[in-house]
């Protein structure tokens, strides 16, 4: 599986402290491995929720005060990280 991210997401990761950055990377890695190995998104285990409204089709994952918005394309086997930011800034 490929994991891709927007420039905004990568810039956010550059700005935050290393400890939080590593927690985010580990959670994304766990998500990618779970999808690869089991073929499913582990909602409860990784605090993931489907989004509604204008975000329909996207998912939200929580890492402390940070939210990660992503979408998974089964056909191309790509996990696309759309946005990463603090809770109050993301929606």
N, C-alpha and C. Protein backbone atom coordinates (compact mmCIF):
# COMPACT_ATOMS: atom_id res chain seq x y z
N UNK A 1 0.84 -1.18 0.00
CA UNK A 1 0.00 0.00 0.00
C UNK A 1 0.89 1.25 0.00
N UNK A 2 0.44 2.21 -0.78
CA UNK A 2 1.12 3.51 -0.81
C UNK A 2 0.42 4.45 0.16
N UNK A 3 1.20 5.28 0.83
CA UNK A 3 0.66 6.33 1.68
C UNK A 3 1.12 7.66 1.09
N UNK A 4 0.16 8.51 0.76
CA UNK A 4 0.46 9.82 0.20
C UNK A 4 -0.13 10.89 1.11
N UNK A 5 0.45 12.09 1.06
CA UNK A 5 -0.03 13.18 1.91
C UNK A 5 0.06 14.50 1.16
N UNK A 6 -0.81 15.41 1.54
CA UNK A 6 -0.78 16.75 0.95
C UNK A 6 0.41 17.53 1.51
N UNK A 7 0.78 18.59 0.81
CA UNK A 7 1.86 19.45 1.29
C UNK A 7 1.52 20.07 2.64
N UNK A 8 0.24 20.43 2.83
CA UNK A 8 -0.19 21.02 4.10
C UNK A 8 0.07 20.05 5.24
N UNK A 9 -0.23 18.79 5.04
CA UNK A 9 -0.01 17.78 6.07
C UNK A 9 1.47 17.65 6.42
N UNK A 10 2.29 17.63 5.40
CA UNK A 10 3.73 17.50 5.62
C UNK A 10 4.30 18.73 6.32
N UNK A 11 3.81 19.91 5.97
CA UNK A 11 4.26 21.14 6.63
C UNK A 11 3.88 21.14 8.11
N UNK A 12 2.68 20.65 8.42
CA UNK A 12 2.25 20.57 9.82
C UNK A 12 3.21 19.66 10.59
N UNK A 13 3.56 18.52 10.02
CA UNK A 13 4.46 17.59 10.69
C UNK A 13 5.84 18.20 10.92
N UNK A 14 6.29 19.05 10.01
CA UNK A 14 7.58 19.71 10.17
C UNK A 14 7.59 20.66 11.36
N UNK A 15 6.45 21.29 11.65
CA UNK A 15 6.37 22.32 12.68
C UNK A 15 6.23 21.78 14.11
N UNK A 16 5.71 20.57 14.27
CA UNK A 16 5.43 20.09 15.62
C UNK A 16 6.64 19.39 16.24
N UNK A 17 6.56 19.16 17.55
CA UNK A 17 7.65 18.51 18.27
C UNK A 17 7.82 17.06 17.84
N UNK A 18 9.02 16.56 17.97
CA UNK A 18 9.37 15.22 17.49
C UNK A 18 8.55 14.11 18.14
N UNK A 19 8.26 14.24 19.42
CA UNK A 19 7.50 13.21 20.13
C UNK A 19 6.10 13.03 19.53
N UNK A 20 5.41 14.13 19.29
CA UNK A 20 4.08 14.08 18.70
C UNK A 20 4.15 13.61 17.25
N UNK A 21 5.15 14.08 16.54
CA UNK A 21 5.34 13.67 15.14
C UNK A 21 5.49 12.15 15.04
N UNK A 22 6.25 11.57 15.96
CA UNK A 22 6.45 10.12 15.94
C UNK A 22 5.16 9.38 16.28
N UNK A 23 4.36 9.90 17.23
CA UNK A 23 3.07 9.28 17.56
C UNK A 23 2.14 9.26 16.35
N UNK A 24 2.14 10.35 15.60
CA UNK A 24 1.30 10.43 14.40
C UNK A 24 1.77 9.44 13.35
N UNK A 25 3.06 9.40 13.12
CA UNK A 25 3.60 8.46 12.13
C UNK A 25 3.30 7.01 12.50
N UNK A 26 3.43 6.68 13.78
CA UNK A 26 3.15 5.31 14.22
C UNK A 26 1.68 4.95 14.00
N UNK A 27 0.78 5.88 14.29
CA UNK A 27 -0.65 5.62 14.13
C UNK A 27 -1.00 5.44 12.64
N UNK A 28 -0.40 6.25 11.78
CA UNK A 28 -0.63 6.10 10.33
C UNK A 28 -0.08 4.77 9.85
N UNK A 29 1.08 4.39 10.35
CA UNK A 29 1.69 3.11 9.98
C UNK A 29 0.81 1.95 10.43
N UNK A 30 0.27 2.02 11.66
CA UNK A 30 -0.64 0.98 12.16
C UNK A 30 -1.87 0.86 11.27
N UNK A 31 -2.41 2.00 10.86
CA UNK A 31 -3.58 2.01 9.99
C UNK A 31 -3.27 1.34 8.66
N UNK A 32 -2.16 1.70 8.05
CA UNK A 32 -1.77 1.12 6.76
C UNK A 32 -1.56 -0.39 6.88
N UNK A 33 -0.91 -0.83 7.94
CA UNK A 33 -0.68 -2.27 8.14
C UNK A 33 -1.98 -3.02 8.37
N UNK A 34 -2.89 -2.44 9.14
CA UNK A 34 -4.18 -3.09 9.39
C UNK A 34 -4.97 -3.26 8.10
N UNK A 35 -4.96 -2.23 7.27
CA UNK A 35 -5.68 -2.32 6.00
C UNK A 35 -5.02 -3.36 5.09
N UNK A 36 -3.70 -3.35 5.04
CA UNK A 36 -2.97 -4.32 4.21
C UNK A 36 -3.21 -5.75 4.68
N UNK A 37 -3.08 -5.98 5.98
CA UNK A 37 -3.16 -7.34 6.51
C UNK A 37 -4.58 -7.87 6.61
N UNK A 38 -5.50 -7.04 7.09
CA UNK A 38 -6.86 -7.51 7.36
C UNK A 38 -7.88 -7.04 6.33
N UNK A 39 -7.53 -6.01 5.56
CA UNK A 39 -8.45 -5.49 4.56
C UNK A 39 -9.56 -4.63 5.13
N UNK A 40 -9.43 -4.23 6.40
CA UNK A 40 -10.45 -3.39 7.03
C UNK A 40 -9.80 -2.22 7.77
N UNK A 41 -10.60 -1.20 7.99
CA UNK A 41 -10.15 -0.05 8.78
C UNK A 41 -10.53 -0.33 10.24
N UNK A 42 -9.55 -0.37 11.16
CA UNK A 42 -9.84 -0.68 12.57
C UNK A 42 -10.38 0.55 13.32
N UNK A 43 -11.68 0.78 13.22
CA UNK A 43 -12.30 1.99 13.75
C UNK A 43 -12.05 2.19 15.24
N UNK A 44 -12.43 1.23 16.05
CA UNK A 44 -12.33 1.40 17.51
C UNK A 44 -10.89 1.43 17.99
N UNK A 45 -10.08 0.54 17.47
CA UNK A 45 -8.68 0.42 17.91
C UNK A 45 -7.88 1.70 17.70
N UNK A 46 -8.14 2.42 16.60
CA UNK A 46 -7.35 3.61 16.26
C UNK A 46 -8.15 4.91 16.35
N UNK A 47 -9.29 4.90 17.00
CA UNK A 47 -10.13 6.11 17.17
C UNK A 47 -10.47 6.75 15.82
N UNK A 48 -11.05 5.96 14.95
CA UNK A 48 -11.39 6.42 13.60
C UNK A 48 -12.90 6.54 13.48
N UNK A 49 -13.34 7.56 12.76
CA UNK A 49 -14.76 7.79 12.56
C UNK A 49 -14.99 8.24 11.12
N UNK A 50 -16.10 7.77 10.51
CA UNK A 50 -16.49 8.26 9.19
C UNK A 50 -17.03 9.67 9.34
N UNK A 51 -16.72 10.53 8.40
CA UNK A 51 -17.20 11.91 8.45
C UNK A 51 -18.43 12.09 7.58
N UNK A 52 -19.23 13.09 7.90
CA UNK A 52 -20.48 13.38 7.19
C UNK A 52 -20.40 14.74 6.51
N UNK A 53 -21.50 15.11 5.89
CA UNK A 53 -21.63 16.44 5.27
C UNK A 53 -20.66 16.63 4.13
N UNK A 54 -19.97 17.76 4.13
CA UNK A 54 -19.02 18.07 3.04
C UNK A 54 -17.79 17.17 3.09
N UNK A 55 -17.58 16.46 4.19
CA UNK A 55 -16.45 15.54 4.33
C UNK A 55 -16.85 14.09 4.06
N UNK A 56 -18.03 13.86 3.50
CA UNK A 56 -18.52 12.50 3.26
C UNK A 56 -17.50 11.72 2.42
N UNK A 57 -17.21 10.50 2.85
CA UNK A 57 -16.23 9.66 2.16
C UNK A 57 -14.86 9.69 2.83
N UNK A 58 -14.65 10.66 3.71
CA UNK A 58 -13.38 10.79 4.43
C UNK A 58 -13.53 10.20 5.82
N UNK A 59 -12.39 9.96 6.44
CA UNK A 59 -12.34 9.45 7.81
C UNK A 59 -11.50 10.39 8.66
N UNK A 60 -11.76 10.35 9.98
CA UNK A 60 -11.00 11.15 10.94
C UNK A 60 -10.36 10.20 11.94
N UNK A 61 -9.06 10.42 12.21
CA UNK A 61 -8.35 9.64 13.22
C UNK A 61 -7.79 10.61 14.26
N UNK A 62 -7.88 10.23 15.53
CA UNK A 62 -7.43 11.09 16.63
C UNK A 62 -6.08 10.62 17.15
N UNK A 63 -5.16 11.59 17.34
CA UNK A 63 -3.89 11.34 18.01
C UNK A 63 -3.73 12.49 19.01
N UNK A 64 -4.17 12.28 20.24
CA UNK A 64 -4.14 13.35 21.25
C UNK A 64 -5.03 14.50 20.82
N UNK A 65 -4.46 15.70 20.69
CA UNK A 65 -5.21 16.88 20.27
C UNK A 65 -5.19 17.08 18.76
N UNK A 66 -4.54 16.16 18.06
CA UNK A 66 -4.38 16.27 16.61
C UNK A 66 -5.42 15.40 15.91
N UNK A 67 -5.93 15.91 14.80
CA UNK A 67 -6.87 15.16 13.97
C UNK A 67 -6.23 14.92 12.61
N UNK A 68 -6.43 13.72 12.09
CA UNK A 68 -5.90 13.34 10.78
C UNK A 68 -7.11 13.01 9.91
N UNK A 69 -7.25 13.72 8.80
CA UNK A 69 -8.33 13.46 7.85
C UNK A 69 -7.72 12.67 6.69
N UNK A 70 -8.33 11.51 6.38
CA UNK A 70 -7.77 10.69 5.31
C UNK A 70 -8.88 10.02 4.53
N UNK A 71 -8.48 9.47 3.39
CA UNK A 71 -9.38 8.69 2.56
C UNK A 71 -8.60 7.48 2.07
N UNK A 72 -9.28 6.36 1.90
CA UNK A 72 -8.63 5.15 1.41
C UNK A 72 -9.24 4.75 0.09
N UNK A 73 -8.41 4.61 -0.93
CA UNK A 73 -8.84 4.20 -2.26
C UNK A 73 -8.50 2.72 -2.44
N UNK A 74 -9.53 1.87 -2.37
CA UNK A 74 -9.32 0.42 -2.46
C UNK A 74 -8.78 -0.01 -3.81
N UNK A 75 -9.29 0.61 -4.87
CA UNK A 75 -8.90 0.21 -6.22
C UNK A 75 -7.42 0.44 -6.49
N UNK A 76 -6.90 1.58 -6.04
CA UNK A 76 -5.49 1.89 -6.27
C UNK A 76 -4.63 1.54 -5.07
N UNK A 77 -5.26 1.06 -3.97
CA UNK A 77 -4.56 0.69 -2.75
C UNK A 77 -3.69 1.84 -2.22
N UNK A 78 -4.33 3.01 -2.08
CA UNK A 78 -3.64 4.20 -1.62
C UNK A 78 -4.35 4.78 -0.40
N UNK A 79 -3.59 5.05 0.64
CA UNK A 79 -4.08 5.76 1.81
C UNK A 79 -3.62 7.20 1.64
N UNK A 80 -4.58 8.11 1.46
CA UNK A 80 -4.25 9.50 1.18
C UNK A 80 -4.55 10.36 2.41
N UNK A 81 -3.52 10.93 2.99
CA UNK A 81 -3.66 11.82 4.15
C UNK A 81 -3.97 13.21 3.61
N UNK A 82 -5.21 13.63 3.84
CA UNK A 82 -5.68 14.90 3.28
C UNK A 82 -5.29 16.09 4.14
N UNK A 83 -5.43 15.94 5.47
CA UNK A 83 -5.11 17.07 6.34
C UNK A 83 -4.73 16.56 7.73
N UNK A 84 -3.76 17.24 8.35
CA UNK A 84 -3.38 16.98 9.74
C UNK A 84 -3.30 18.34 10.43
N UNK A 85 -3.99 18.48 11.55
CA UNK A 85 -3.96 19.74 12.29
C UNK A 85 -4.55 19.52 13.68
N UNK A 86 -4.44 20.54 14.51
CA UNK A 86 -5.02 20.47 15.84
C UNK A 86 -6.53 20.51 15.75
N UNK A 87 -7.19 19.97 16.73
CA UNK A 87 -8.64 19.77 16.74
C UNK A 87 -9.43 21.01 16.35
N UNK A 88 -9.16 22.16 16.91
CA UNK A 88 -9.93 23.36 16.63
C UNK A 88 -9.71 23.96 15.25
N UNK A 89 -8.66 23.55 14.57
CA UNK A 89 -8.30 24.17 13.29
C UNK A 89 -8.69 23.34 12.07
N UNK A 90 -9.13 22.13 12.26
CA UNK A 90 -9.22 21.22 11.12
C UNK A 90 -10.55 21.20 10.40
N UNK A 91 -11.65 21.37 11.08
CA UNK A 91 -12.95 21.21 10.42
C UNK A 91 -13.44 22.50 9.83
